[in-house]
Amino acid sequence: MWDKVDKPNFYKAFIVVLIAFLLSLIGEFYFHEEKHFAFERIPFFEGIFGLLGALFLFIVVKVTGVLVSKKEEDYDKYYSS
């Protein structure tokens, strides 16, 4: 798999994501915004919530793909000439 990855661009993108993560980590403790709900006081709540949301969407897409996909025999039955 790593043979097909454009390594210089991958490393550049990784560095950009790492810098963004570190800046957000610093900003988490430097800027204090008003929290309206108790669960918002959990450290890194937004990141955890986003990660769980992405995981949920991934699972929904995989389950939907399994339920909706056709078998190979179905293509032969409807599209044979």
Protein backbone atom coordinates (compact mmCIF):
# COMPACT_ATOMS: atom_id res chain seq x y z
CA MET A 1 0.00 0.00 0.00
CA TRP A 2 2.76 2.46 0.87
CA ASP A 3 4.39 1.91 -2.51
CA LYS A 4 1.51 3.74 -4.23
CA VAL A 5 1.42 6.67 -1.78
CA ASP A 6 3.06 9.91 -2.88
CA LYS A 7 5.36 10.10 0.15
CA PRO A 8 6.58 13.73 -0.06
CA ASN A 9 3.02 15.05 -0.31
CA PHE A 10 1.86 12.64 2.38
CA TYR A 11 4.52 13.92 4.76
CA LYS A 12 3.64 17.54 3.96
CA ALA A 13 -0.05 16.87 4.64
CA PHE A 14 0.84 15.05 7.85
CA ILE A 15 2.93 18.01 9.04
CA VAL A 16 0.07 20.42 8.28
CA VAL A 17 -2.42 18.27 10.20
CA LEU A 18 0.02 17.92 13.10
CA ILE A 19 0.54 21.69 13.29
CA ALA A 20 -3.22 22.29 13.17
CA PHE A 21 -3.70 19.76 15.96
CA LEU A 22 -1.04 21.38 18.12
CA LEU A 23 -2.51 24.85 17.55
CA SER A 24 -5.96 23.62 18.49
CA LEU A 25 -4.48 21.96 21.57
CA ILE A 26 -2.89 25.26 22.62
CA GLY A 27 -6.11 27.11 21.84
CA GLU A 28 -8.08 24.72 23.99
CA PHE A 29 -6.32 25.98 27.09
CA TYR A 30 -5.59 29.56 26.04
CA PHE A 31 -9.04 30.72 24.90
CA HIS A 32 -11.86 30.26 27.36
CA GLU A 33 -15.31 30.42 25.87
CA GLU A 34 -18.56 30.28 27.74
CA LYS A 35 -19.92 26.76 28.07
CA HIS A 36 -23.69 26.42 28.09
CA PHE A 37 -24.06 22.73 28.84
CA ALA A 38 -22.27 20.42 31.27
CA PHE A 39 -21.01 18.07 28.57
CA GLU A 40 -19.25 20.97 26.85
CA ARG A 41 -16.93 21.25 29.86
CA ILE A 42 -15.38 17.87 29.03
CA PRO A 43 -11.87 18.50 27.66
CA PHE A 44 -11.61 17.93 23.89
CA PHE A 45 -15.36 17.29 23.66
CA GLU A 46 -15.62 18.75 20.15
CA GLY A 47 -12.88 16.47 18.82
CA ILE A 48 -14.30 13.38 20.49
CA PHE A 49 -17.78 14.25 19.23
CA GLY A 50 -16.47 14.74 15.69
CA LEU A 51 -14.56 11.47 15.76
CA LEU A 52 -17.61 9.55 16.99
CA GLY A 53 -19.78 11.26 14.38
CA ALA A 54 -17.38 10.28 11.60
CA LEU A 55 -17.26 6.71 12.90
CA PHE A 56 -21.07 6.59 12.98
CA LEU A 57 -21.29 7.84 9.39
CA PHE A 58 -18.72 5.26 8.29
CA ILE A 59 -20.72 2.44 9.87
CA VAL A 60 -24.00 3.71 8.35
CA VAL A 61 -22.42 3.83 4.87
CA LYS A 62 -21.00 0.31 5.22
CA VAL A 63 -24.31 -1.15 6.46
CA THR A 64 -26.26 0.66 3.74
CA GLY A 65 -23.83 -0.64 1.11
CA VAL A 66 -24.35 -4.21 2.29
CA LEU A 67 -28.14 -3.85 2.33
CA VAL A 68 -28.44 -2.13 -1.04
CA SER A 69 -25.72 -3.82 -3.09
CA LYS A 70 -26.64 -6.39 -5.70
CA LYS A 71 -25.15 -9.81 -6.14
CA GLU A 72 -23.19 -10.63 -9.28
CA GLU A 73 -25.96 -12.99 -10.45
CA ASP A 74 -28.49 -10.13 -10.42
CA TYR A 75 -26.53 -8.25 -13.07
CA ASP A 76 -26.51 -11.32 -15.30
CA LYS A 77 -30.25 -11.80 -14.87
CA TYR A 78 -31.27 -8.25 -15.78
CA TYR A 79 -28.54 -7.18 -18.20
CA SER A 80 -27.87 -10.28 -20.28
CA SER A 81 -28.42 -9.89 -24.01
